[in-house]
Amino acid sequence: HILVDGEPAAGCLVDFGLYFFHNQAQFRSTQGGGFGPFFYLPKMEHSREAKIWNCAFE
């Protein structure tokens, strides 16, 4: 369980953060600058979900 400001963090955002943190250096070393990982986000049901992910990616 991970808390952010005393509140439970959303599992999908924790997974994204951990994946990015642990893999970004390897990705950059093999793919070079200007490239990034691509993430498929299936089954979004509301524009608010897209807004949350947009904030996470920025």
PDB file of N, CA and C in Angstrom:
ATOM      1  N   HIS A   1       0.841  -1.173   0.000  1.00  0.00           N
ATOM      2  CA  HIS A   1       0.000   0.000   0.000  1.00  0.00           C
ATOM      3  C   HIS A   1       0.884   1.233   0.000  1.00  0.00           C
ATOM      4  N   ILE A   2       0.594   2.118  -0.918  1.00  0.00           N
ATOM      5  CA  ILE A   2       1.369   3.352  -1.037  1.00  0.00           C
ATOM      6  C   ILE A   2       0.433   4.522  -0.783  1.00  0.00           C
ATOM      7  N   LEU A   3       0.854   5.405   0.093  1.00  0.00           N
ATOM      8  CA  LEU A   3       0.064   6.583   0.418  1.00  0.00           C
ATOM      9  C   LEU A   3       0.719   7.824  -0.168  1.00  0.00           C
ATOM     10  N   VAL A   4      -0.110   8.727  -0.681  1.00  0.00           N
ATOM     11  CA  VAL A   4       0.339  10.026  -1.165  1.00  0.00           C
ATOM     12  C   VAL A   4      -0.469  11.063  -0.412  1.00  0.00           C
ATOM     13  N   ASP A   5       0.201  11.894   0.348  1.00  0.00           N
ATOM     14  CA  ASP A   5      -0.469  12.878   1.200  1.00  0.00           C
ATOM     15  C   ASP A   5      -1.502  12.217   2.108  1.00  0.00           C
ATOM     16  N   GLY A   6      -1.174  11.022   2.601  1.00  0.00           N
ATOM     17  CA  GLY A   6      -2.037  10.315   3.525  1.00  0.00           C
ATOM     18  C   GLY A   6      -3.191   9.558   2.887  1.00  0.00           C
ATOM     19  N   GLU A   7      -3.306   9.610   1.564  1.00  0.00           N
ATOM     20  CA  GLU A   7      -4.387   8.927   0.848  1.00  0.00           C
ATOM     21  C   GLU A   7      -3.816   7.784   0.019  1.00  0.00           C
ATOM     22  N   PRO A   8      -4.560   6.690  -0.136  1.00  0.00           N
ATOM     23  CA  PRO A   8      -4.077   5.584  -0.969  1.00  0.00           C
ATOM     24  C   PRO A   8      -3.903   6.031  -2.424  1.00  0.00           C
ATOM     25  N   ALA A   9      -2.791   5.647  -3.021  1.00  0.00           N
ATOM     26  CA  ALA A   9      -2.530   5.981  -4.420  1.00  0.00           C
ATOM     27  C   ALA A   9      -3.243   4.988  -5.330  1.00  0.00           C
ATOM     28  N   ALA A  10      -3.677   5.467  -6.488  1.00  0.00           N
ATOM     29  CA  ALA A  10      -4.322   4.583  -7.469  1.00  0.00           C
ATOM     30  C   ALA A  10      -3.298   3.586  -7.995  1.00  0.00           C
ATOM     31  N   GLY A  11      -3.682   2.319  -8.015  1.00  0.00           N
ATOM     32  CA  GLY A  11      -2.770   1.255  -8.435  1.00  0.00           C
ATOM     33  C   GLY A  11      -2.204   1.456  -9.826  1.00  0.00           C
ATOM     34  N   CYS A  12      -3.035   1.921 -10.764  1.00  0.00           N
ATOM     35  CA  CYS A  12      -2.560   2.098 -12.137  1.00  0.00           C
ATOM     36  C   CYS A  12      -1.468   3.158 -12.207  1.00  0.00           C
ATOM     37  N   LEU A  13      -1.585   4.225 -11.412  1.00  0.00           N
ATOM     38  CA  LEU A  13      -0.560   5.268 -11.416  1.00  0.00           C
ATOM     39  C   LEU A  13       0.712   4.797 -10.724  1.00  0.00           C
ATOM     40  N   VAL A  14       0.569   3.994  -9.681  1.00  0.00           N
ATOM     41  CA  VAL A  14       1.740   3.418  -9.015  1.00  0.00           C
ATOM     42  C   VAL A  14       2.472   2.496  -9.980  1.00  0.00           C
ATOM     43  N   ASP A  15       1.742   1.642 -10.680  1.00  0.00           N
ATOM     44  CA  ASP A  15       2.357   0.739 -11.658  1.00  0.00           C
ATOM     45  C   ASP A  15       3.093   1.513 -12.740  1.00  0.00           C
ATOM     46  N   PHE A  16       2.456   2.551 -13.278  1.00  0.00           N
ATOM     47  CA  PHE A  16       3.090   3.375 -14.308  1.00  0.00           C
ATOM     48  C   PHE A  16       4.366   4.018 -13.780  1.00  0.00           C
ATOM     49  N   GLY A  17       4.286   4.609 -12.599  1.00  0.00           N
ATOM     50  CA  GLY A  17       5.452   5.270 -12.018  1.00  0.00           C
ATOM     51  C   GLY A  17       6.606   4.318 -11.777  1.00  0.00           C
ATOM     52  N   LEU A  18       6.316   3.151 -11.237  1.00  0.00           N
ATOM     53  CA  LEU A  18       7.373   2.169 -10.988  1.00  0.00           C
ATOM     54  C   LEU A  18       7.978   1.656 -12.289  1.00  0.00           C
ATOM     55  N   TYR A  19       7.134   1.385 -13.284  1.00  0.00           N
ATOM     56  CA  TYR A  19       7.642   0.919 -14.579  1.00  0.00           C
ATOM     57  C   TYR A  19       8.558   1.969 -15.197  1.00  0.00           C
ATOM     58  N   PHE A  20       8.086   3.205 -15.236  1.00  0.00           N
ATOM     59  CA  PHE A  20       8.865   4.276 -15.853  1.00  0.00           C
ATOM     60  C   PHE A  20      10.172   4.504 -15.097  1.00  0.00           C
ATOM     61  N   PHE A  21      10.113   4.543 -13.785  1.00  0.00           N
ATOM     62  CA  PHE A  21      11.299   4.771 -12.960  1.00  0.00           C
ATOM     63  C   PHE A  21      12.358   3.704 -13.204  1.00  0.00           C
ATOM     64  N   HIS A  22      11.948   2.456 -13.259  1.00  0.00           N
ATOM     65  CA  HIS A  22      12.906   1.358 -13.365  1.00  0.00           C
ATOM     66  C   HIS A  22      13.359   1.065 -14.792  1.00  0.00           C
ATOM     67  N   ASN A  23      12.670   1.586 -15.806  1.00  0.00           N
ATOM     68  CA  ASN A  23      13.000   1.224 -17.181  1.00  0.00           C
ATOM     69  C   ASN A  23      13.435   2.370 -18.080  1.00  0.00           C
ATOM     70  N   GLN A  24      13.276   3.606 -17.656  1.00  0.00           N
ATOM     71  CA  GLN A  24      13.571   4.714 -18.554  1.00  0.00           C
ATOM     72  C   GLN A  24      15.040   4.795 -18.945  1.00  0.00           C
ATOM     73  N   ALA A  25      15.960   4.518 -18.049  1.00  0.00           N
ATOM     74  CA  ALA A  25      17.388   4.590 -18.390  1.00  0.00           C
ATOM     75  C   ALA A  25      17.752   3.529 -19.426  1.00  0.00           C
ATOM     76  N   GLN A  26      17.253   2.328 -19.262  1.00  0.00           N
ATOM     77  CA  GLN A  26      17.509   1.256 -20.226  1.00  0.00           C
ATOM     78  C   GLN A  26      16.904   1.597 -21.584  1.00  0.00           C
ATOM     79  N   PHE A  27      15.715   2.131 -21.575  1.00  0.00           N
ATOM     80  CA  PHE A  27      15.063   2.483 -22.828  1.00  0.00           C
ATOM     81  C   PHE A  27      15.857   3.555 -23.563  1.00  0.00           C
ATOM     82  N   ARG A  28      16.277   4.592 -22.862  1.00  0.00           N
ATOM     83  CA  ARG A  28      17.046   5.666 -23.501  1.00  0.00           C
ATOM     84  C   ARG A  28      18.379   5.170 -24.036  1.00  0.00           C
ATOM     85  N   SER A  29      19.014   4.252 -23.339  1.00  0.00           N
ATOM     86  CA  SER A  29      20.322   3.768 -23.787  1.00  0.00           C
ATOM     87  C   SER A  29      20.202   2.894 -25.029  1.00  0.00           C
ATOM     88  N   THR A  30      19.080   2.229 -25.218  1.00  0.00           N
ATOM     89  CA  THR A  30      18.930   1.365 -26.390  1.00  0.00           C
ATOM     90  C   THR A  30      18.199   2.052 -27.533  1.00  0.00           C
ATOM     91  N   GLN A  31      17.356   3.040 -27.247  1.00  0.00           N
ATOM     92  CA  GLN A  31      16.559   3.692 -28.290  1.00  0.00           C
ATOM     93  C   GLN A  31      17.068   5.076 -28.662  1.00  0.00           C
ATOM     94  N   GLY A  32      17.859   5.696 -27.805  1.00  0.00           N
ATOM     95  CA  GLY A  32      18.365   7.035 -28.082  1.00  0.00           C
ATOM     96  C   GLY A  32      17.383   8.117 -27.674  1.00  0.00           C
ATOM     97  N   GLY A  33      17.861   9.348 -27.730  1.00  0.00           N
ATOM     98  CA  GLY A  33      17.017  10.477 -27.357  1.00  0.00           C
ATOM     99  C   GLY A  33      15.920  10.710 -28.381  1.00  0.00           C
ATOM    100  N   GLY A  34      14.874  11.360 -27.972  1.00  0.00           N
ATOM    101  CA  GLY A  34      13.776  11.661 -28.862  1.00  0.00           C
ATOM    102  C   GLY A  34      12.736  10.561 -28.978  1.00  0.00           C
ATOM    103  N   PHE A  35      12.994   9.435 -28.360  1.00  0.00           N
ATOM    104  CA  PHE A  35      12.049   8.330 -28.378  1.00  0.00           C
ATOM    105  C   PHE A  35      11.569   8.092 -26.954  1.00  0.00           C
ATOM    106  N   GLY A  36      10.422   7.529 -26.833  1.00  0.00           N
ATOM    107  CA  GLY A  36       9.916   7.215 -25.505  1.00  0.00           C
ATOM    108  C   GLY A  36       9.044   5.986 -25.551  1.00  0.00           C
ATOM    109  N   PRO A  37       8.767   5.428 -24.411  1.00  0.00           N
ATOM    110  CA  PRO A  37       7.871   4.277 -24.393  1.00  0.00           C
ATOM    111  C   PRO A  37       6.447   4.725 -24.740  1.00  0.00           C
ATOM    112  N   PHE A  38       5.705   3.838 -25.322  1.00  0.00           N
ATOM    113  CA  PHE A  38       4.316   4.111 -25.655  1.00  0.00           C
ATOM    114  C   PHE A  38       3.435   3.250 -24.766  1.00  0.00           C
ATOM    115  N   PHE A  39       2.359   3.823 -24.290  1.00  0.00           N
ATOM    116  CA  PHE A  39       1.471   3.118 -23.377  1.00  0.00           C
ATOM    117  C   PHE A  39       0.073   3.047 -23.975  1.00  0.00           C
ATOM    118  N   TYR A  40      -0.485   1.856 -23.976  1.00  0.00           N
ATOM    119  CA  TYR A  40      -1.849   1.625 -24.446  1.00  0.00           C
ATOM    120  C   TYR A  40      -2.766   1.646 -23.229  1.00  0.00           C
ATOM    121  N   LEU A  41      -3.759   2.480 -23.265  1.00  0.00           N
ATOM    122  CA  LEU A  41      -4.680   2.628 -22.137  1.00  0.00           C
ATOM    123  C   LEU A  41      -6.081   2.197 -22.572  1.00  0.00           C
ATOM    124  N   PRO A  42      -6.387   0.910 -22.441  1.00  0.00           N
ATOM    125  CA  PRO A  42      -7.681   0.414 -22.906  1.00  0.00           C
ATOM    126  C   PRO A  42      -8.819   0.742 -21.941  1.00  0.00           C
ATOM    127  N   LYS A  43     -10.000   0.748 -22.480  1.00  0.00           N
ATOM    128  CA  LYS A  43     -11.245   0.802 -21.706  1.00  0.00           C
ATOM    129  C   LYS A  43     -11.416   2.051 -20.855  1.00  0.00           C
ATOM    130  N   MET A  44     -10.957   3.186 -21.349  1.00  0.00           N
ATOM    131  CA  MET A  44     -11.268   4.418 -20.628  1.00  0.00           C
ATOM    132  C   MET A  44     -12.742   4.713 -20.839  1.00  0.00           C
ATOM    133  N   GLU A  45     -13.430   5.034 -19.761  1.00  0.00           N
ATOM    134  CA  GLU A  45     -14.872   5.215 -19.833  1.00  0.00           C
ATOM    135  C   GLU A  45     -15.315   6.659 -19.660  1.00  0.00           C
ATOM    136  N   HIS A  46     -14.383   7.539 -19.363  1.00  0.00           N
ATOM    137  CA  HIS A  46     -14.773   8.927 -19.135  1.00  0.00           C
ATOM    138  C   HIS A  46     -13.611   9.844 -19.476  1.00  0.00           C
ATOM    139  N   SER A  47     -13.935  11.049 -19.882  1.00  0.00           N
ATOM    140  CA  SER A  47     -12.890  12.013 -20.230  1.00  0.00           C
ATOM    141  C   SER A  47     -12.028  12.376 -19.022  1.00  0.00           C
ATOM    142  N   ARG A  48     -12.572  12.220 -17.818  1.00  0.00           N
ATOM    143  CA  ARG A  48     -11.772  12.506 -16.614  1.00  0.00           C
ATOM    144  C   ARG A  48     -10.593  11.551 -16.495  1.00  0.00           C
ATOM    145  N   GLU A  49     -10.794  10.295 -16.910  1.00  0.00           N
ATOM    146  CA  GLU A  49      -9.693   9.330 -16.883  1.00  0.00           C
ATOM    147  C   GLU A  49      -8.582   9.763 -17.833  1.00  0.00           C
ATOM    148  N   ALA A  50      -8.957  10.213 -19.019  1.00  0.00           N
ATOM    149  CA  ALA A  50      -7.968  10.687 -19.993  1.00  0.00           C
ATOM    150  C   ALA A  50      -7.219  11.895 -19.444  1.00  0.00           C
ATOM    151  N   LYS A  51      -7.912  12.755 -18.744  1.00  0.00           N
ATOM    152  CA  LYS A  51      -7.278  13.947 -18.164  1.00  0.00           C
ATOM    153  C   LYS A  51      -6.260  13.559 -17.093  1.00  0.00           C
ATOM    154  N   ILE A  52      -6.589  12.578 -16.265  1.00  0.00           N
ATOM    155  CA  ILE A  52      -5.658  12.104 -15.235  1.00  0.00           C
ATOM    156  C   ILE A  52      -4.398  11.548 -15.879  1.00  0.00           C
ATOM    157  N   TRP A  53      -4.568  10.710 -16.920  1.00  0.00           N
ATOM    158  CA  TRP A  53      -3.398  10.135 -17.588  1.00  0.00           C
ATOM    159  C   TRP A  53      -2.588  11.204 -18.302  1.00  0.00           C
ATOM    160  N   ASN A  54      -3.256  12.196 -18.875  1.00  0.00           N
ATOM    161  CA  ASN A  54      -2.534  13.285 -19.529  1.00  0.00           C
ATOM    162  C   ASN A  54      -1.646  14.007 -18.524  1.00  0.00           C
ATOM    163  N   CYS A  55      -2.155  14.246 -17.343  1.00  0.00           N
ATOM    164  CA  CYS A  55      -1.350  14.883 -16.287  1.00  0.00           C
ATOM    165  C   CYS A  55      -0.184  13.993 -15.879  1.00  0.00           C
ATOM    166  N   ALA A  56      -0.401  12.700 -15.814  1.00  0.00           N
ATOM    167  CA  ALA A  56       0.676  11.772 -15.437  1.00  0.00           C
ATOM    168  C   ALA A  56       1.783  11.772 -16.481  1.00  0.00           C
ATOM    169  N   PHE A  57       1.415  11.844 -17.756  1.00  0.00           N
ATOM    170  CA  PHE A  57       2.414  11.794 -18.819  1.00  0.00           C
ATOM    171  C   PHE A  57       3.174  13.102 -18.968  1.00  0.00           C
ATOM    172  N   GLU A  58       2.582  14.199 -18.570  1.00  0.00           N
ATOM    173  CA  GLU A  58       3.277  15.483 -18.662  1.00  0.00           C
ATOM    174  C   GLU A  58       4.260  15.579 -17.536  1.00  0.00           C
TER     175      GLU A  58
END
